[in-house]
Amino acid sequence: GENALEVARLVERRFREHPNSGVTQEQVKAAENAGDTITRDLVVLLNTQYLTPFDREDIYQLATEIDDVVDFLEEASDLLGLYGVEMPTRHAVEQCAIIVKAVEQLATACDNLKGMKGVQQALVELKSLEDQGDRVLRDALASLFRDDRIDPLIVIRWKDIYEALERALDACETAANVIANILVKNA
């Protein structure tokens, strides 16, 4: 959860400050690689430890969903450079801000999972943020297609970026569902 939050904050800053960001794609990629290492280490532990605090399958699924959040964020950040985006859109910056808040809630839920306190509230807030992100995505896509003077290549670029950001937010919600399932099983 902490690694995902670090990546979310880096990507949000990269989008917000683009094109003169203090955050490079290399920094985002390095943090994403650190997350991959955490996930691999966790899988090794799952395969070697006799006792786990929750079902192995749930821990594995949660780890892979959080890894997906990070992967989608890294992808969106990479597209910013690959597509030669000159300036970020208001919608993309707004999406990134929502993702940071959602990952904060996800990290809180993960941190509190052992004691089972405060987890449910974080999950409810995360779901609300995901709904908010869906509205921003619809507005962003609508704005791309509303103006027929926009270069079709720009439409394609931003549609890809918006959708990568949306996949990151959706992965947050999926991870939250895994946590909710853990709560139910261990109530």
C-alpha atoms as a PDB file:
ATOM      1  CA  GLY A   1       0.000   0.000   0.000  1.00  0.00           C
ATOM      2  CA  GLU A   2       2.796   2.414   0.853  1.00  0.00           C
ATOM      3  CA  ASN A   3       4.569   1.782  -2.447  1.00  0.00           C
ATOM      4  CA  ALA A   4       1.346   2.301  -4.398  1.00  0.00           C
ATOM      5  CA  LEU A   5       0.821   5.583  -2.566  1.00  0.00           C
ATOM      6  CA  GLU A   6       4.360   6.711  -3.395  1.00  0.00           C
ATOM      7  CA  VAL A   7       3.797   5.937  -7.083  1.00  0.00           C
ATOM      8  CA  ALA A   8       0.388   7.651  -7.094  1.00  0.00           C
ATOM      9  CA  ARG A   9       1.907  10.796  -5.598  1.00  0.00           C
ATOM     10  CA  LEU A  10       4.788  10.759  -8.098  1.00  0.00           C
ATOM     11  CA  VAL A  11       2.432  10.354 -11.050  1.00  0.00           C
ATOM     12  CA  GLU A  12       0.071  13.047  -9.768  1.00  0.00           C
ATOM     13  CA  ARG A  13       2.975  15.447  -9.411  1.00  0.00           C
ATOM     14  CA  ARG A  14       4.338  14.484 -12.849  1.00  0.00           C
ATOM     15  CA  PHE A  15       0.972  15.260 -14.463  1.00  0.00           C
ATOM     16  CA  ARG A  16       0.355  18.422 -12.448  1.00  0.00           C
ATOM     17  CA  GLU A  17       3.785  19.915 -13.203  1.00  0.00           C
ATOM     18  CA  HIS A  18       4.156  18.634 -16.776  1.00  0.00           C
ATOM     19  CA  PRO A  19       6.078  19.529 -18.922  1.00  0.00           C
ATOM     20  CA  ASN A  20       8.512  20.960 -16.345  1.00  0.00           C
ATOM     21  CA  SER A  21       7.966  18.364 -13.646  1.00  0.00           C
ATOM     22  CA  GLY A  22      10.507  17.600 -10.969  1.00  0.00           C
ATOM     23  CA  VAL A  23       9.411  13.967 -11.348  1.00  0.00           C
ATOM     24  CA  THR A  24      10.808  11.961 -14.233  1.00  0.00           C
ATOM     25  CA  GLN A  25       9.434   8.817 -15.816  1.00  0.00           C
ATOM     26  CA  GLU A  26      12.584   7.061 -14.595  1.00  0.00           C
ATOM     27  CA  GLN A  27      11.630   7.871 -10.997  1.00  0.00           C
ATOM     28  CA  VAL A  28       8.118   6.537 -11.548  1.00  0.00           C
ATOM     29  CA  LYS A  29       9.514   3.385 -13.186  1.00  0.00           C
ATOM     30  CA  ALA A  30      11.980   2.862 -10.315  1.00  0.00           C
ATOM     31  CA  ALA A  31       9.155   3.074  -7.768  1.00  0.00           C
ATOM     32  CA  GLU A  32       7.058   0.678  -9.898  1.00  0.00           C
ATOM     33  CA  ASN A  33       9.998  -1.761  -9.994  1.00  0.00           C
ATOM     34  CA  ALA A  34      10.285  -1.504  -6.204  1.00  0.00           C
ATOM     35  CA  GLY A  35       6.612  -2.476  -6.018  1.00  0.00           C
ATOM     36  CA  ASP A  36       7.260  -5.492  -8.251  1.00  0.00           C
ATOM     37  CA  THR A  37      10.020  -6.566  -5.856  1.00  0.00           C
ATOM     38  CA  ILE A  38       7.672  -6.218  -2.872  1.00  0.00           C
ATOM     39  CA  THR A  39       5.074  -8.348  -4.654  1.00  0.00           C
ATOM     40  CA  ARG A  40       7.650 -11.032  -5.555  1.00  0.00           C
ATOM     41  CA  ASP A  41       8.967 -11.095  -1.976  1.00  0.00           C
ATOM     42  CA  LEU A  42       5.427 -11.434  -0.672  1.00  0.00           C
ATOM     43  CA  VAL A  43       4.725 -14.371  -2.984  1.00  0.00           C
ATOM     44  CA  VAL A  44       7.932 -16.083  -1.779  1.00  0.00           C
ATOM     45  CA  LEU A  45       6.816 -15.566   1.819  1.00  0.00           C
ATOM     46  CA  LEU A  46       3.367 -16.964   1.034  1.00  0.00           C
ATOM     47  CA  ASN A  47       4.977 -20.075  -0.403  1.00  0.00           C
ATOM     48  CA  THR A  48       7.363 -20.586   2.515  1.00  0.00           C
ATOM     49  CA  GLN A  49       5.423 -19.542   5.630  1.00  0.00           C
ATOM     50  CA  TYR A  50       3.277 -22.057   7.400  1.00  0.00           C
ATOM     51  CA  LEU A  51       0.942 -19.554   9.042  1.00  0.00           C
ATOM     52  CA  THR A  52      -0.497 -16.469   7.392  1.00  0.00           C
ATOM     53  CA  PRO A  53      -2.774 -13.860   8.990  1.00  0.00           C
ATOM     54  CA  PHE A  54      -5.414 -14.392   6.264  1.00  0.00           C
ATOM     55  CA  ASP A  55      -6.084 -16.878   3.495  1.00  0.00           C
ATOM     56  CA  ARG A  56      -3.096 -17.160   1.174  1.00  0.00           C
ATOM     57  CA  GLU A  57      -5.284 -16.666  -1.865  1.00  0.00           C
ATOM     58  CA  ASP A  58      -6.662 -13.407  -0.470  1.00  0.00           C
ATOM     59  CA  ILE A  59      -3.203 -12.075   0.354  1.00  0.00           C
ATOM     60  CA  TYR A  60      -1.963 -13.022  -3.106  1.00  0.00           C
ATOM     61  CA  GLN A  61      -4.979 -11.442  -4.808  1.00  0.00           C
ATOM     62  CA  LEU A  62      -4.634  -8.240  -2.773  1.00  0.00           C
ATOM     63  CA  ALA A  63      -0.928  -7.990  -3.606  1.00  0.00           C
ATOM     64  CA  THR A  64      -1.535  -8.498  -7.316  1.00  0.00           C
ATOM     65  CA  GLU A  65      -4.379  -5.960  -7.393  1.00  0.00           C
ATOM     66  CA  ILE A  66      -2.225  -3.346  -5.666  1.00  0.00           C
ATOM     67  CA  ASP A  67       0.535  -4.174  -8.147  1.00  0.00           C
ATOM     68  CA  ASP A  68      -1.975  -3.554 -10.952  1.00  0.00           C
ATOM     69  CA  VAL A  69      -2.743  -0.092  -9.520  1.00  0.00           C
ATOM     70  CA  VAL A  70       0.951   0.734  -9.718  1.00  0.00           C
ATOM     71  CA  ASP A  71       1.356  -0.756 -13.205  1.00  0.00           C
ATOM     72  CA  PHE A  72      -1.542   1.275 -14.618  1.00  0.00           C
ATOM     73  CA  LEU A  73      -0.235   4.461 -13.019  1.00  0.00           C
ATOM     74  CA  GLU A  74       3.207   3.854 -14.487  1.00  0.00           C
ATOM     75  CA  GLU A  75       1.630   3.201 -17.883  1.00  0.00           C
ATOM     76  CA  ALA A  76      -0.288   6.502 -17.806  1.00  0.00           C
ATOM     77  CA  SER A  77       2.853   8.367 -16.780  1.00  0.00           C
ATOM     78  CA  ASP A  78       4.810   6.704 -19.558  1.00  0.00           C
ATOM     79  CA  LEU A  79       2.172   7.636 -22.148  1.00  0.00           C
ATOM     80  CA  LEU A  80       2.564  11.281 -21.153  1.00  0.00           C
ATOM     81  CA  GLY A  81       6.120  11.173 -22.484  1.00  0.00           C
ATOM     82  CA  LEU A  82       5.642   8.650 -25.284  1.00  0.00           C
ATOM     83  CA  TYR A  83       2.819  10.654 -26.813  1.00  0.00           C
ATOM     84  CA  GLY A  84       4.735  13.916 -26.538  1.00  0.00           C
ATOM     85  CA  VAL A  85       1.985  15.605 -24.558  1.00  0.00           C
ATOM     86  CA  GLU A  86       2.680  19.317 -24.339  1.00  0.00           C
ATOM     87  CA  MET A  87       0.338  20.191 -21.470  1.00  0.00           C
ATOM     88  CA  PRO A  88      -1.839  18.022 -19.251  1.00  0.00           C
ATOM     89  CA  THR A  89      -5.571  18.504 -19.315  1.00  0.00           C
ATOM     90  CA  ARG A  90      -7.569  19.636 -16.318  1.00  0.00           C
ATOM     91  CA  HIS A  91      -9.332  16.256 -16.359  1.00  0.00           C
ATOM     92  CA  ALA A  92      -6.103  14.255 -16.203  1.00  0.00           C
ATOM     93  CA  VAL A  93      -4.828  16.303 -13.272  1.00  0.00           C
ATOM     94  CA  GLU A  94      -8.186  15.842 -11.545  1.00  0.00           C
ATOM     95  CA  GLN A  95      -8.097  12.086 -12.188  1.00  0.00           C
ATOM     96  CA  CYS A  96      -4.616  11.898 -10.663  1.00  0.00           C
ATOM     97  CA  ALA A  97      -5.718  13.808  -7.555  1.00  0.00           C
ATOM     98  CA  ILE A  98      -8.645  11.402  -7.084  1.00  0.00           C
ATOM     99  CA  ILE A  99      -6.340   8.410  -7.526  1.00  0.00           C
ATOM    100  CA  VAL A 100      -3.991   9.732  -4.830  1.00  0.00           C
ATOM    101  CA  LYS A 101      -6.925  10.052  -2.421  1.00  0.00           C
ATOM    102  CA  ALA A 102      -8.156   6.561  -3.341  1.00  0.00           C
ATOM    103  CA  VAL A 103      -4.708   5.026  -2.833  1.00  0.00           C
ATOM    104  CA  GLU A 104      -4.454   6.834   0.510  1.00  0.00           C
ATOM    105  CA  GLN A 105      -7.668   5.072   1.547  1.00  0.00           C
ATOM    106  CA  LEU A 106      -6.354   1.764   0.185  1.00  0.00           C
ATOM    107  CA  ALA A 107      -3.105   2.169   2.139  1.00  0.00           C
ATOM    108  CA  THR A 108      -5.099   3.015   5.278  1.00  0.00           C
ATOM    109  CA  ALA A 109      -7.243  -0.093   4.813  1.00  0.00           C
ATOM    110  CA  CYS A 110      -4.137  -2.238   4.361  1.00  0.00           C
ATOM    111  CA  ASP A 111      -2.447  -0.714   7.413  1.00  0.00           C
ATOM    112  CA  ASN A 112      -5.531  -1.333   9.567  1.00  0.00           C
ATOM    113  CA  LEU A 113      -6.349  -4.773   8.232  1.00  0.00           C
ATOM    114  CA  LYS A 114      -4.520  -6.626  10.994  1.00  0.00           C
ATOM    115  CA  GLY A 115      -6.577  -4.957  13.728  1.00  0.00           C
ATOM    116  CA  MET A 116      -9.749  -4.745  11.580  1.00  0.00           C
ATOM    117  CA  LYS A 117     -10.443  -1.201  12.832  1.00  0.00           C
ATOM    118  CA  GLY A 118     -11.098   1.705  10.481  1.00  0.00           C
ATOM    119  CA  VAL A 119     -10.971  -0.534   7.417  1.00  0.00           C
ATOM    120  CA  GLN A 120     -14.636  -0.309   6.479  1.00  0.00           C
ATOM    121  CA  GLN A 121     -14.685   3.499   6.507  1.00  0.00           C
ATOM    122  CA  ALA A 122     -11.621   3.606   4.236  1.00  0.00           C
ATOM    123  CA  LEU A 123     -13.326   1.195   1.818  1.00  0.00           C
ATOM    124  CA  VAL A 124     -16.515   3.288   1.739  1.00  0.00           C
ATOM    125  CA  GLU A 125     -14.491   6.424   1.019  1.00  0.00           C
ATOM    126  CA  LEU A 126     -12.522   4.629  -1.691  1.00  0.00           C
ATOM    127  CA  LYS A 127     -15.742   3.529  -3.402  1.00  0.00           C
ATOM    128  CA  SER A 128     -17.012   7.117  -3.315  1.00  0.00           C
ATOM    129  CA  LEU A 129     -13.756   8.301  -4.897  1.00  0.00           C
ATOM    130  CA  GLU A 130     -14.031   5.645  -7.609  1.00  0.00           C
ATOM    131  CA  ASP A 131     -17.523   6.900  -8.444  1.00  0.00           C
ATOM    132  CA  GLN A 132     -16.168  10.455  -8.575  1.00  0.00           C
ATOM    133  CA  GLY A 133     -13.379   9.267 -10.886  1.00  0.00           C
ATOM    134  CA  ASP A 134     -15.934   7.678 -13.211  1.00  0.00           C
ATOM    135  CA  ARG A 135     -17.705  11.041 -13.525  1.00  0.00           C
ATOM    136  CA  VAL A 136     -14.427  12.816 -14.297  1.00  0.00           C
ATOM    137  CA  LEU A 137     -13.606  10.197 -16.949  1.00  0.00           C
ATOM    138  CA  ARG A 138     -17.000  10.646 -18.631  1.00  0.00           C
ATOM    139  CA  ASP A 139     -16.565  14.428 -18.600  1.00  0.00           C
ATOM    140  CA  ALA A 140     -13.041  14.094 -19.987  1.00  0.00           C
ATOM    141  CA  LEU A 141     -14.112  11.830 -22.832  1.00  0.00           C
ATOM    142  CA  ALA A 142     -17.097  14.022 -23.620  1.00  0.00           C
ATOM    143  CA  SER A 143     -14.871  17.094 -23.831  1.00  0.00           C
ATOM    144  CA  LEU A 144     -12.594  15.308 -26.304  1.00  0.00           C
ATOM    145  CA  PHE A 145     -15.454  14.565 -28.649  1.00  0.00           C
ATOM    146  CA  ARG A 146     -17.399  17.788 -28.149  1.00  0.00           C
ATOM    147  CA  ASP A 147     -15.013  19.974 -30.135  1.00  0.00           C
ATOM    148  CA  ASP A 148     -14.693  18.834 -33.747  1.00  0.00           C
ATOM    149  CA  ARG A 149     -11.656  21.106 -34.207  1.00  0.00           C
ATOM    150  CA  ILE A 150      -9.486  18.874 -31.994  1.00  0.00           C
ATOM    151  CA  ASP A 151      -6.866  16.900 -33.895  1.00  0.00           C
ATOM    152  CA  PRO A 152      -7.955  13.220 -33.943  1.00  0.00           C
ATOM    153  CA  LEU A 153      -4.457  12.158 -32.837  1.00  0.00           C
ATOM    154  CA  ILE A 154      -4.815  14.281 -29.718  1.00  0.00           C
ATOM    155  CA  VAL A 155      -8.174  12.640 -29.044  1.00  0.00           C
ATOM    156  CA  ILE A 156      -6.589   9.189 -29.325  1.00  0.00           C
ATOM    157  CA  ARG A 157      -3.653  10.142 -27.079  1.00  0.00           C
ATOM    158  CA  TRP A 158      -5.801  11.570 -24.304  1.00  0.00           C
ATOM    159  CA  LYS A 159      -8.350   8.783 -24.530  1.00  0.00           C
ATOM    160  CA  ASP A 160      -5.534   6.278 -23.926  1.00  0.00           C
ATOM    161  CA  ILE A 161      -4.158   8.281 -21.010  1.00  0.00           C
ATOM    162  CA  TYR A 162      -7.569   8.809 -19.413  1.00  0.00           C
ATOM    163  CA  GLU A 163      -8.324   5.096 -19.716  1.00  0.00           C
ATOM    164  CA  ALA A 164      -4.976   4.086 -18.168  1.00  0.00           C
ATOM    165  CA  LEU A 165      -5.725   6.362 -15.218  1.00  0.00           C
ATOM    166  CA  GLU A 166      -9.234   4.901 -14.970  1.00  0.00           C
ATOM    167  CA  ARG A 167      -7.806   1.361 -14.932  1.00  0.00           C
ATOM    168  CA  ALA A 168      -5.616   2.390 -11.979  1.00  0.00           C
ATOM    169  CA  LEU A 169      -8.659   3.676 -10.119  1.00  0.00           C
ATOM    170  CA  ASP A 170     -10.657   0.552 -10.996  1.00  0.00           C
ATOM    171  CA  ALA A 171      -7.794  -1.598  -9.671  1.00  0.00           C
ATOM    172  CA  CYS A 172      -8.027   0.355  -6.388  1.00  0.00           C
ATOM    173  CA  GLU A 173     -11.689  -0.584  -6.186  1.00  0.00           C
ATOM    174  CA  THR A 174     -10.923  -4.228  -6.961  1.00  0.00           C
ATOM    175  CA  ALA A 175      -8.274  -4.262  -4.209  1.00  0.00           C
ATOM    176  CA  ALA A 176     -10.864  -2.722  -1.862  1.00  0.00           C
ATOM    177  CA  ASN A 177     -13.258  -5.547  -2.750  1.00  0.00           C
ATOM    178  CA  VAL A 178     -10.563  -8.085  -1.844  1.00  0.00           C
ATOM    179  CA  ILE A 179     -10.103  -6.354   1.510  1.00  0.00           C
ATOM    180  CA  ALA A 180     -13.876  -6.365   2.070  1.00  0.00           C
ATOM    181  CA  ASN A 181     -13.864 -10.092   1.355  1.00  0.00           C
ATOM    182  CA  ILE A 182     -11.082 -10.584   3.923  1.00  0.00           C
ATOM    183  CA  LEU A 183     -13.159  -8.660   6.467  1.00  0.00           C
ATOM    184  CA  VAL A 184     -16.185 -10.876   5.860  1.00  0.00           C
ATOM    185  CA  LYS A 185     -14.152 -14.072   6.156  1.00  0.00           C
ATOM    186  CA  ASN A 186     -12.490 -12.951   9.366  1.00  0.00           C
ATOM    187  CA  ALA A 187     -15.415 -11.275  11.132  1.00  0.00           C
END
